[in-house]
Amino acid sequence: MTLAQIGLLLLTGLGSGLFAGILGIGGGTILVPAMVSLQYTPVQAVATSSLAIVITSLSGSIQNWRMGYLDWRQVLSLGFPSLITAQLGVELATSFSAEALLNAFAVMLLANIVLVNIRQKIVPREGPPATSPWLARLLTGGLAGLLAGLFGIGGGVVMVPLQMLLLGEPIKRAIQTSLGVIVLTALAASLGHAGKGNLLPLVGGILGTGGLLGAQISTRFLPKLPVRVVNWTFNLFLLGLAIYTFWQAWHR
């Protein structure tokens, strides 16, 4: 691996870490498309992204905890179901074709934009939905783990809107909790992919090092950002990545 390649991976990791702290995602929504564009296979990108996300999300979560913005009981209640479903996601990712995996990834990003906007319309009129809290946590954590194993994303892009929709959480709290749960989902997914031989440890370590620095910076900025700015950034970010991922799949 050349110095230029190492530098590019570090910058990619830095960008993923910045978005991780601000949006409550592990960074895989950046890392997977970026690695595919660097000629790694989609399943390698998914697997290696999971390892980088462990480092990035742990860094951001420690910072959130030190600042008093992390509820570990909520993190664990969402994280335990994800440990099981992450392994199912790993099995599915290994069985998908490259084109199918990329198209499914893009559809998942668009679905989350819809979820966020549904929640924004429900809250002013009806308040938090009357979903059973334990069932909501089981569904949210379980789906996050499934997507972590399948797409290498940590699960944050689904955990943030589902916490808002099913648990009535404000977006900033959902983001902070999501980042903590991602430590568990990404660890479970990376171990599963390592067992399948899909993981590139050196590449994941370099990406994670850049992500660690980015997460430390962005978690300090989140409490100061207006909610409207966070909402718009989240939506535009997912839309842009969905378009890019469809384009990658089309050219396979």
Protein backbone atom coordinates (compact mmCIF):
# COMPACT_ATOMS: atom_id res chain seq x y z
CA MET A 1 0.00 0.00 0.00
CA THR A 2 1.43 3.40 -1.05
CA LEU A 3 1.56 6.57 1.06
CA ALA A 4 -0.99 8.16 -1.28
CA GLN A 5 -3.43 5.30 -0.69
CA ILE A 6 -2.92 5.53 3.07
CA GLY A 7 -3.53 9.29 2.97
CA LEU A 8 -6.71 8.84 0.94
CA LEU A 9 -8.01 6.22 3.37
CA LEU A 10 -7.24 8.49 6.33
CA LEU A 11 -9.15 11.39 4.73
CA THR A 12 -12.09 9.10 3.95
CA GLY A 13 -12.12 7.96 7.56
CA LEU A 14 -11.94 11.55 8.78
CA GLY A 15 -15.00 12.47 6.71
CA SER A 16 -16.94 9.48 8.02
CA GLY A 17 -16.05 10.42 11.59
CA LEU A 18 -17.27 13.99 11.13
CA PHE A 19 -20.65 12.76 9.92
CA ALA A 20 -20.75 10.06 12.60
CA GLY A 21 -20.75 12.52 15.47
CA ILE A 22 -23.14 15.00 13.86
CA LEU A 23 -25.65 12.51 12.42
CA GLY A 24 -25.37 9.56 14.82
CA ILE A 25 -24.24 7.13 12.13
CA GLY A 26 -21.21 4.89 12.22
CA GLY A 27 -19.83 6.36 9.00
CA GLY A 28 -20.43 3.32 6.82
CA THR A 29 -22.71 5.29 4.53
CA ILE A 30 -19.55 7.14 3.47
CA LEU A 31 -17.05 4.31 3.81
CA VAL A 32 -18.89 1.67 1.74
CA PRO A 33 -19.41 3.82 -1.40
CA ALA A 34 -15.88 5.25 -1.03
CA MET A 35 -14.28 1.81 -0.83
CA VAL A 36 -16.31 0.57 -3.80
CA SER A 37 -15.04 3.57 -5.80
CA LEU A 38 -11.49 2.55 -4.77
CA GLN A 39 -12.07 -0.85 -6.44
CA TYR A 40 -12.73 -2.95 -3.35
CA THR A 41 -15.57 -5.43 -3.76
CA PRO A 42 -18.91 -4.49 -2.13
CA VAL A 43 -18.66 -7.31 0.41
CA GLN A 44 -15.09 -6.28 1.33
CA ALA A 45 -16.29 -2.69 1.68
CA VAL A 46 -19.17 -3.75 3.95
CA ALA A 47 -16.94 -5.94 6.13
CA THR A 48 -14.05 -3.49 6.45
CA SER A 49 -16.37 -0.58 7.06
CA SER A 50 -17.70 -2.41 10.12
CA LEU A 51 -14.23 -2.58 11.66
CA ALA A 52 -13.57 1.12 11.04
CA ILE A 53 -16.97 1.95 12.53
CA VAL A 54 -16.08 0.20 15.80
CA ILE A 55 -13.18 2.64 16.26
CA THR A 56 -15.11 5.71 15.10
CA SER A 57 -18.27 5.10 17.10
CA LEU A 58 -16.35 4.18 20.27
CA SER A 59 -14.41 7.43 20.04
CA GLY A 60 -17.56 9.53 19.57
CA SER A 61 -19.48 7.69 22.29
CA ILE A 62 -16.73 8.18 24.86
CA GLN A 63 -16.78 11.88 24.09
CA ASN A 64 -20.60 12.02 24.40
CA TRP A 65 -20.36 10.18 27.74
CA ARG A 66 -17.75 12.60 29.06
CA MET A 67 -20.03 15.50 28.10
CA GLY A 68 -23.02 13.90 29.86
CA TYR A 69 -25.03 13.18 26.69
CA LEU A 70 -25.08 9.36 26.71
CA ASP A 71 -27.60 7.06 28.44
CA TRP A 72 -25.89 3.67 28.67
CA ARG A 73 -29.08 1.87 29.79
CA GLN A 74 -30.81 2.98 26.59
CA VAL A 75 -27.75 1.99 24.56
CA LEU A 76 -27.71 -1.54 26.03
CA SER A 77 -31.46 -2.06 25.64
CA LEU A 78 -31.16 -1.29 21.92
CA GLY A 79 -27.79 -2.99 21.48
CA PHE A 80 -28.48 -6.51 22.75
CA PRO A 81 -31.04 -7.45 20.03
CA SER A 82 -28.61 -6.17 17.40
CA LEU A 83 -25.89 -8.63 18.45
CA ILE A 84 -28.02 -11.52 17.19
CA THR A 85 -29.47 -9.98 14.04
CA ALA A 86 -26.06 -8.68 12.90
CA GLN A 87 -25.00 -12.26 12.19
CA LEU A 88 -28.06 -12.77 9.98
CA GLY A 89 -27.07 -9.63 8.06
CA VAL A 90 -23.57 -11.04 7.53
CA GLU A 91 -25.01 -14.20 6.00
CA LEU A 92 -27.24 -12.18 3.66
CA ALA A 93 -24.42 -9.86 2.55
CA THR A 94 -22.25 -12.83 1.60
CA SER A 95 -25.04 -14.34 -0.51
CA PHE A 96 -25.96 -11.17 -2.47
CA SER A 97 -24.44 -10.23 -5.82
CA ALA A 98 -22.44 -6.97 -5.94
CA GLU A 99 -25.13 -5.16 -7.96
CA ALA A 100 -27.95 -6.37 -5.71
CA LEU A 101 -26.06 -5.32 -2.57
CA LEU A 102 -25.45 -1.79 -3.89
CA ASN A 103 -29.05 -1.33 -5.06
CA ALA A 104 -30.40 -2.54 -1.72
CA PHE A 105 -28.02 -0.15 0.07
CA ALA A 106 -29.37 2.81 -1.94
CA VAL A 107 -33.01 1.85 -1.33
CA MET A 108 -32.31 1.63 2.40
CA LEU A 109 -30.93 5.20 2.39
CA LEU A 110 -34.05 6.56 0.67
CA ALA A 111 -36.34 4.68 3.08
CA ASN A 112 -34.74 6.43 6.02
CA ILE A 113 -35.43 9.88 4.58
CA VAL A 114 -39.11 8.91 4.52
CA LEU A 115 -38.99 7.69 8.14
CA VAL A 116 -37.46 10.93 9.39
CA ASN A 117 -40.05 13.06 7.62
CA ILE A 118 -42.96 10.92 8.87
CA ARG A 119 -41.76 11.50 12.42
CA GLN A 120 -41.47 15.26 11.88
CA LYS A 121 -45.14 15.36 10.78
CA ILE A 122 -46.43 13.13 13.58
CA VAL A 123 -44.79 14.88 16.56
CA PRO A 124 -46.52 18.30 16.35
CA ARG A 125 -49.99 16.79 15.93
CA GLU A 126 -50.07 13.62 17.99
CA GLY A 127 -47.01 13.43 20.22
CA PRO A 128 -45.00 10.23 20.78
CA PRO A 129 -46.67 7.10 19.40
CA ALA A 130 -48.15 4.61 21.86
CA THR A 131 -45.80 1.79 20.86
CA SER A 132 -44.75 -0.60 23.64
CA PRO A 133 -41.26 0.64 24.72
CA TRP A 134 -39.73 -2.84 24.96
CA LEU A 135 -41.15 -3.86 21.58
CA ALA A 136 -39.94 -0.60 20.03
CA ARG A 137 -36.43 -1.17 21.39
CA LEU A 138 -36.42 -4.78 20.18
CA LEU A 139 -37.48 -3.72 16.68
CA THR A 140 -35.09 -0.76 16.51
CA GLY A 141 -32.06 -2.62 17.82
CA GLY A 142 -32.80 -5.78 15.86
CA LEU A 143 -33.21 -3.95 12.56
CA ALA A 144 -30.07 -1.91 13.22
CA GLY A 145 -28.06 -5.09 13.76
CA LEU A 146 -29.44 -6.68 10.60
CA LEU A 147 -28.48 -3.64 8.52
CA ALA A 148 -25.06 -3.45 10.20
CA GLY A 149 -24.21 -6.96 9.08
CA LEU A 150 -25.79 -6.57 5.65
CA PHE A 151 -24.54 -3.11 4.69
CA GLY A 152 -21.59 -2.36 7.02
CA ILE A 153 -23.21 0.84 8.24
CA GLY A 154 -23.41 0.36 12.00
CA GLY A 155 -27.19 0.77 11.83
CA GLY A 156 -27.36 4.46 12.67
CA VAL A 157 -29.26 5.48 9.56
CA VAL A 158 -32.19 3.35 10.74
CA MET A 159 -31.77 3.80 14.49
CA VAL A 160 -32.08 7.59 14.42
CA PRO A 161 -35.44 7.75 12.58
CA LEU A 162 -36.86 4.69 14.38
CA GLN A 163 -36.00 6.10 17.80
CA MET A 164 -37.80 9.28 16.75
CA LEU A 165 -40.76 7.39 15.27
CA LEU A 166 -41.23 4.57 17.83
CA LEU A 167 -39.71 5.93 21.04
CA GLY A 168 -40.56 9.63 20.69
CA GLU A 169 -36.92 10.71 21.08
CA PRO A 170 -35.76 14.17 19.93
CA ILE A 171 -33.28 13.96 17.08
CA LYS A 172 -30.18 14.99 19.06
CA ARG A 173 -30.80 12.41 21.79
CA ALA A 174 -31.53 9.77 19.14
CA ILE A 175 -28.22 10.59 17.46
CA GLN A 176 -26.22 10.33 20.68
CA THR A 177 -27.84 7.02 21.68
CA SER A 178 -27.45 5.67 18.16
CA LEU A 179 -23.71 6.25 18.18
CA GLY A 180 -23.39 4.23 21.38
CA VAL A 181 -25.42 1.30 20.04
CA ILE A 182 -23.29 1.31 16.90
CA VAL A 183 -20.27 0.24 18.97
CA LEU A 184 -22.07 -3.05 19.63
CA THR A 185 -23.65 -3.56 16.18
CA ALA A 186 -20.42 -2.83 14.31
CA LEU A 187 -18.37 -5.09 16.58
CA ALA A 188 -20.81 -7.98 16.07
CA ALA A 189 -20.83 -7.42 12.29
CA SER A 190 -17.05 -7.15 11.97
CA LEU A 191 -16.50 -10.37 13.93
CA GLY A 192 -19.02 -12.17 11.73
CA HIS A 193 -17.36 -10.92 8.53
CA ALA A 194 -13.90 -11.81 9.87
CA GLY A 195 -15.09 -15.38 10.24
CA LYS A 196 -16.16 -15.33 6.57
CA GLY A 197 -12.80 -13.96 5.38
CA ASN A 198 -14.32 -10.72 4.08
CA LEU A 199 -12.44 -8.34 6.41
CA LEU A 200 -9.35 -6.25 5.48
CA PRO A 201 -7.89 -5.42 8.93
CA LEU A 202 -5.17 -2.97 7.83
CA VAL A 203 -7.54 -0.92 5.65
CA GLY A 204 -10.15 -0.92 8.41
CA GLY A 205 -7.60 0.24 10.97
CA ILE A 206 -6.49 3.16 8.76
CA LEU A 207 -10.08 4.22 8.07
CA GLY A 208 -10.91 3.92 11.75
CA THR A 209 -7.95 6.08 12.78
CA GLY A 210 -9.17 8.92 10.57
CA GLY A 211 -12.72 8.38 11.81
CA LEU A 212 -11.60 8.58 15.44
CA LEU A 213 -10.31 12.12 14.94
CA GLY A 214 -13.40 13.20 12.97
CA ALA A 215 -15.79 11.87 15.62
CA GLN A 216 -13.96 13.73 18.37
CA ILE A 217 -14.42 16.98 16.47
CA SER A 218 -18.05 16.52 15.43
CA THR A 219 -19.42 15.34 18.79
CA ARG A 220 -18.29 18.64 20.29
CA PHE A 221 -20.31 20.57 17.68
CA LEU A 222 -23.60 18.62 17.79
CA PRO A 223 -25.05 20.21 20.97
CA LYS A 224 -24.55 23.68 19.45
CA LEU A 225 -26.30 22.97 16.14
CA PRO A 226 -29.96 23.99 15.52
CA VAL A 227 -32.31 21.00 15.12
CA ARG A 228 -33.39 22.23 11.66
CA VAL A 229 -29.76 22.21 10.48
CA VAL A 230 -29.29 18.64 11.74
CA ASN A 231 -32.52 17.48 10.05
CA TRP A 232 -31.68 19.02 6.68
CA THR A 233 -28.10 17.75 6.79
CA PHE A 234 -29.31 14.23 7.56
CA ASN A 235 -31.82 14.21 4.68
CA LEU A 236 -29.53 15.75 2.06
CA PHE A 237 -26.67 13.49 3.06
CA LEU A 238 -28.74 10.33 2.61
CA LEU A 239 -30.25 11.53 -0.69
CA GLY A 240 -26.85 12.31 -2.19
CA LEU A 241 -25.41 8.96 -1.17
CA ALA A 242 -28.44 7.06 -2.51
CA ILE A 243 -28.03 8.67 -5.94
CA TYR A 244 -24.30 7.93 -5.95
CA THR A 245 -24.82 4.29 -4.92
CA PHE A 246 -27.45 3.70 -7.63
CA TRP A 247 -24.93 5.12 -10.11
CA GLN A 248 -22.23 2.71 -8.85
CA ALA A 249 -24.60 -0.24 -9.22
CA TRP A 250 -25.62 0.86 -12.73
CA HIS A 251 -21.98 0.83 -13.88
CA ARG A 252 -21.16 -2.63 -12.56
